[in-house]
């Protein structure tokens, strides 16, 4: 992709956001704290989740990618061996490894600002390997360019998933209102 989607402000989820999330993932949200990033169409594409689910179960994935189009495109990257290639590069490139470790530390700091999960890893395989591009892309969308080098790389490999319009119909009233407000 030539230009990644712009960063957006973290917002409290509205009922329309919850409905969009349910349509995107086919289930109600668990541990939803905020909409961490919005797709250019206005729908949520990354949510911020609590470090513990309501039943107390640890959930270290703070940033969860919800857009099915983005998820599908990332799944294709994973199936094509991108994670393995990135992990091999981490072992061979000390500068990349240091930048990825810094991304891990950023992720942990953001999660710890909500609630400390002592002894739990960050997510996505950080800091030593690449286990889930979905998490790395979600982190890059929230943190912005330059924070997660491998998330930024994966994001750059994706098509503009929003170009065909919203991925789901739920929340369309909220999207239309944001479009009107932007005019």
Protein backbone atom coordinates (compact mmCIF):
# COMPACT_ATOMS: atom_id res chain seq x y z
CA UNK A 1 0.00 0.00 0.00
CA UNK A 2 1.32 3.43 -0.85
CA UNK A 3 -0.03 5.24 2.19
CA UNK A 4 -1.22 3.52 5.35
CA UNK A 5 -4.45 4.70 6.92
CA UNK A 6 -3.99 7.73 9.15
CA UNK A 7 -3.79 7.41 12.91
CA UNK A 8 -7.06 8.09 14.67
CA UNK A 9 -7.90 9.11 18.20
CA UNK A 10 -8.73 6.47 20.78
CA UNK A 11 -12.46 6.74 21.53
CA UNK A 12 -14.97 5.17 23.85
CA UNK A 13 -17.01 2.54 21.98
CA UNK A 14 -20.53 3.51 20.99
CA UNK A 15 -23.40 1.09 20.55
CA UNK A 16 -22.82 1.34 16.78
CA UNK A 17 -19.16 0.36 17.33
CA UNK A 18 -20.21 -2.67 19.39
CA UNK A 19 -22.65 -3.69 16.65
CA UNK A 20 -19.93 -3.31 14.00
CA UNK A 21 -17.52 -5.38 16.13
CA UNK A 22 -20.14 -8.13 16.49
CA UNK A 23 -20.70 -8.21 12.75
CA UNK A 24 -16.96 -8.14 12.03
CA UNK A 25 -16.07 -11.05 14.33
CA UNK A 26 -19.40 -12.84 14.65
CA UNK A 27 -19.41 -12.58 18.44
CA UNK A 28 -19.86 -9.97 21.14
CA UNK A 29 -16.74 -8.15 22.34
CA UNK A 30 -14.93 -9.41 25.42
CA UNK A 31 -13.00 -7.00 27.57
CA UNK A 32 -13.61 -4.11 25.16
CA UNK A 33 -12.16 -0.86 26.53
CA UNK A 34 -11.94 1.44 23.54
CA UNK A 35 -11.80 1.83 19.79
CA UNK A 36 -8.04 2.18 19.37
CA UNK A 37 -8.07 2.84 15.61
CA UNK A 38 -10.72 3.46 13.00
CA UNK A 39 -10.67 2.44 9.40
CA UNK A 40 -10.90 5.35 6.95
CA UNK A 41 -14.56 4.32 6.48
CA UNK A 42 -15.19 5.13 10.15
CA UNK A 43 -15.74 1.60 11.43
CA UNK A 44 -13.51 0.17 14.17
CA UNK A 45 -10.57 -1.81 12.82
CA UNK A 46 -8.54 -2.10 16.05
CA UNK A 47 -10.01 -2.36 19.52
CA UNK A 48 -8.24 -2.00 22.84
CA UNK A 49 -9.04 -4.83 25.23
CA UNK A 50 -8.59 -5.13 28.96
CA UNK A 51 -5.55 -7.12 30.09
CA UNK A 52 -7.98 -9.38 31.95
CA UNK A 53 -11.32 -10.57 30.66
CA UNK A 54 -14.36 -9.99 32.88
CA UNK A 55 -13.91 -13.46 34.43
CA UNK A 56 -10.30 -12.59 35.42
CA UNK A 57 -8.61 -14.60 32.67
CA UNK A 58 -5.42 -12.86 31.49
CA UNK A 59 -5.72 -11.55 27.94
CA UNK A 60 -2.35 -10.06 26.92
CA UNK A 61 -3.48 -9.01 23.42
CA UNK A 62 -4.20 -5.35 24.11
CA UNK A 63 -4.75 -4.38 20.47
CA UNK A 64 -7.06 -6.65 18.51
CA UNK A 65 -7.59 -6.24 14.77
CA UNK A 66 -11.30 -6.57 13.95
CA UNK A 67 -11.68 -5.72 10.24
CA UNK A 68 -12.33 -8.96 8.32
CA UNK A 69 -10.81 -7.57 5.10
CA UNK A 70 -7.58 -6.59 6.82
CA UNK A 71 -7.54 -9.89 8.71
CA UNK A 72 -7.97 -11.85 5.48
CA UNK A 73 -5.16 -9.97 3.73
CA UNK A 74 -2.87 -10.55 6.72
CA UNK A 75 -3.80 -14.24 6.72
CA UNK A 76 -2.57 -14.40 3.14
CA UNK A 77 0.77 -12.87 4.17
CA UNK A 78 1.09 -15.40 6.98
CA UNK A 79 0.26 -18.29 4.63
CA UNK A 80 2.94 -17.03 2.23
CA UNK A 81 5.67 -17.38 4.87
CA UNK A 82 6.15 -13.73 5.81
CA UNK A 83 6.33 -14.52 9.55
CA UNK A 84 9.10 -17.10 9.03
CA UNK A 85 11.11 -14.71 6.88
CA UNK A 86 10.72 -11.88 9.43
CA UNK A 87 11.77 -14.18 12.30
CA UNK A 88 14.87 -15.22 10.35
CA UNK A 89 15.73 -11.56 9.77
CA UNK A 90 15.40 -10.86 13.50
CA UNK A 91 18.06 -13.47 14.21
CA UNK A 92 20.42 -12.05 11.59
CA UNK A 93 19.92 -8.28 11.97
CA UNK A 94 20.82 -6.80 15.38
CA UNK A 95 19.39 -3.37 14.49
CA UNK A 96 16.05 -4.87 13.48
CA UNK A 97 16.06 -7.02 16.62
CA UNK A 98 16.69 -3.93 18.79
CA UNK A 99 13.90 -1.98 17.11
CA UNK A 100 11.52 -4.94 17.52
CA UNK A 101 12.49 -5.24 21.21
CA UNK A 102 11.65 -1.53 21.59
CA UNK A 103 8.26 -2.24 19.97
CA UNK A 104 7.72 -5.02 22.50
CA UNK A 105 8.57 -2.62 25.33
CA UNK A 106 6.14 -0.04 23.91
CA UNK A 107 3.39 -2.67 23.76
CA UNK A 108 4.05 -3.78 27.36
CA UNK A 109 4.12 -0.15 28.57
CA UNK A 110 0.76 0.54 26.90
CA UNK A 111 -0.74 -2.60 28.45
CA UNK A 112 0.79 -1.92 31.87
CA UNK A 113 -0.74 1.56 31.81
CA UNK A 114 -4.11 -0.23 31.89
CA UNK A 115 -3.19 -3.12 34.20
CA UNK A 116 0.07 -4.93 34.84
CA UNK A 117 0.15 -8.57 33.74
CA UNK A 118 3.39 -9.56 35.44
CA UNK A 119 5.16 -12.42 33.71
CA UNK A 120 3.00 -12.37 30.58
CA UNK A 121 4.49 -11.78 27.14
CA UNK A 122 3.45 -8.86 25.02
CA UNK A 123 1.79 -10.28 21.91
CA UNK A 124 2.47 -11.39 18.37
CA UNK A 125 5.65 -13.23 19.36
CA UNK A 126 7.49 -10.10 20.45
CA UNK A 127 10.32 -9.64 21.24
CA UNK A 128 12.11 -12.66 19.74
CA UNK A 129 9.95 -13.97 16.92
CA UNK A 130 6.96 -13.19 14.74
CA UNK A 131 3.98 -15.28 15.73
CA UNK A 132 1.01 -13.14 14.62
CA UNK A 133 1.08 -10.38 12.01
CA UNK A 134 -2.46 -9.36 13.01
CA UNK A 135 -1.19 -8.14 16.39
CA UNK A 136 1.83 -6.39 14.86
CA UNK A 137 -0.33 -4.54 12.32
CA UNK A 138 -2.83 -3.58 15.05
CA UNK A 139 0.04 -2.20 17.14
CA UNK A 140 1.38 -0.23 14.16
CA UNK A 141 -2.04 1.25 13.42
CA UNK A 142 -2.43 2.40 17.02
CA UNK A 143 1.16 3.51 17.74
CA UNK A 144 1.82 5.05 14.34
CA UNK A 145 4.74 4.62 11.96
CA UNK A 146 8.20 3.95 13.33
CA UNK A 147 7.24 2.16 16.55
CA UNK A 148 6.87 -1.45 15.36
CA UNK A 149 9.15 -2.07 12.38
CA UNK A 150 7.71 -5.44 11.43
CA UNK A 151 4.14 -4.25 11.96
CA UNK A 152 4.93 -1.31 9.67
CA UNK A 153 6.38 -3.70 7.05
CA UNK A 154 3.34 -5.96 7.16
CA UNK A 155 1.01 -2.96 6.95
CA UNK A 156 2.87 -1.73 3.86
CA UNK A 157 2.30 -5.13 2.20
CA UNK A 158 -1.48 -4.91 2.58
CA UNK A 159 -3.95 -3.62 0.03
CA UNK A 160 -6.16 -0.66 0.97
CA UNK A 161 -8.78 -2.86 2.64
CA UNK A 162 -11.15 0.09 3.06
CA UNK A 163 -11.15 1.08 -0.64
CA UNK A 164 -14.35 -0.87 -1.43
CA UNK A 165 -16.23 0.77 1.44
CA UNK A 166 -17.15 -0.50 4.89
CA UNK A 167 -16.52 -4.17 5.64
CA UNK A 168 -19.79 -4.45 7.59
CA UNK A 169 -23.14 -2.72 7.54
CA UNK A 170 -23.49 -2.37 11.31
CA UNK A 171 -22.69 1.03 12.70
CA UNK A 172 -23.51 2.76 9.42
CA UNK A 173 -25.38 5.52 11.20
CA UNK A 174 -22.29 6.41 13.20
CA UNK A 175 -20.16 6.33 10.05
CA UNK A 176 -22.57 8.63 8.21
CA UNK A 177 -22.56 11.04 11.17
CA UNK A 178 -18.73 11.15 11.22
CA UNK A 179 -18.72 11.80 7.46
CA UNK A 180 -21.22 14.64 7.94
CA UNK A 181 -19.16 16.07 10.83
CA UNK A 182 -16.05 16.01 8.65
CA UNK A 183 -17.70 18.23 6.02
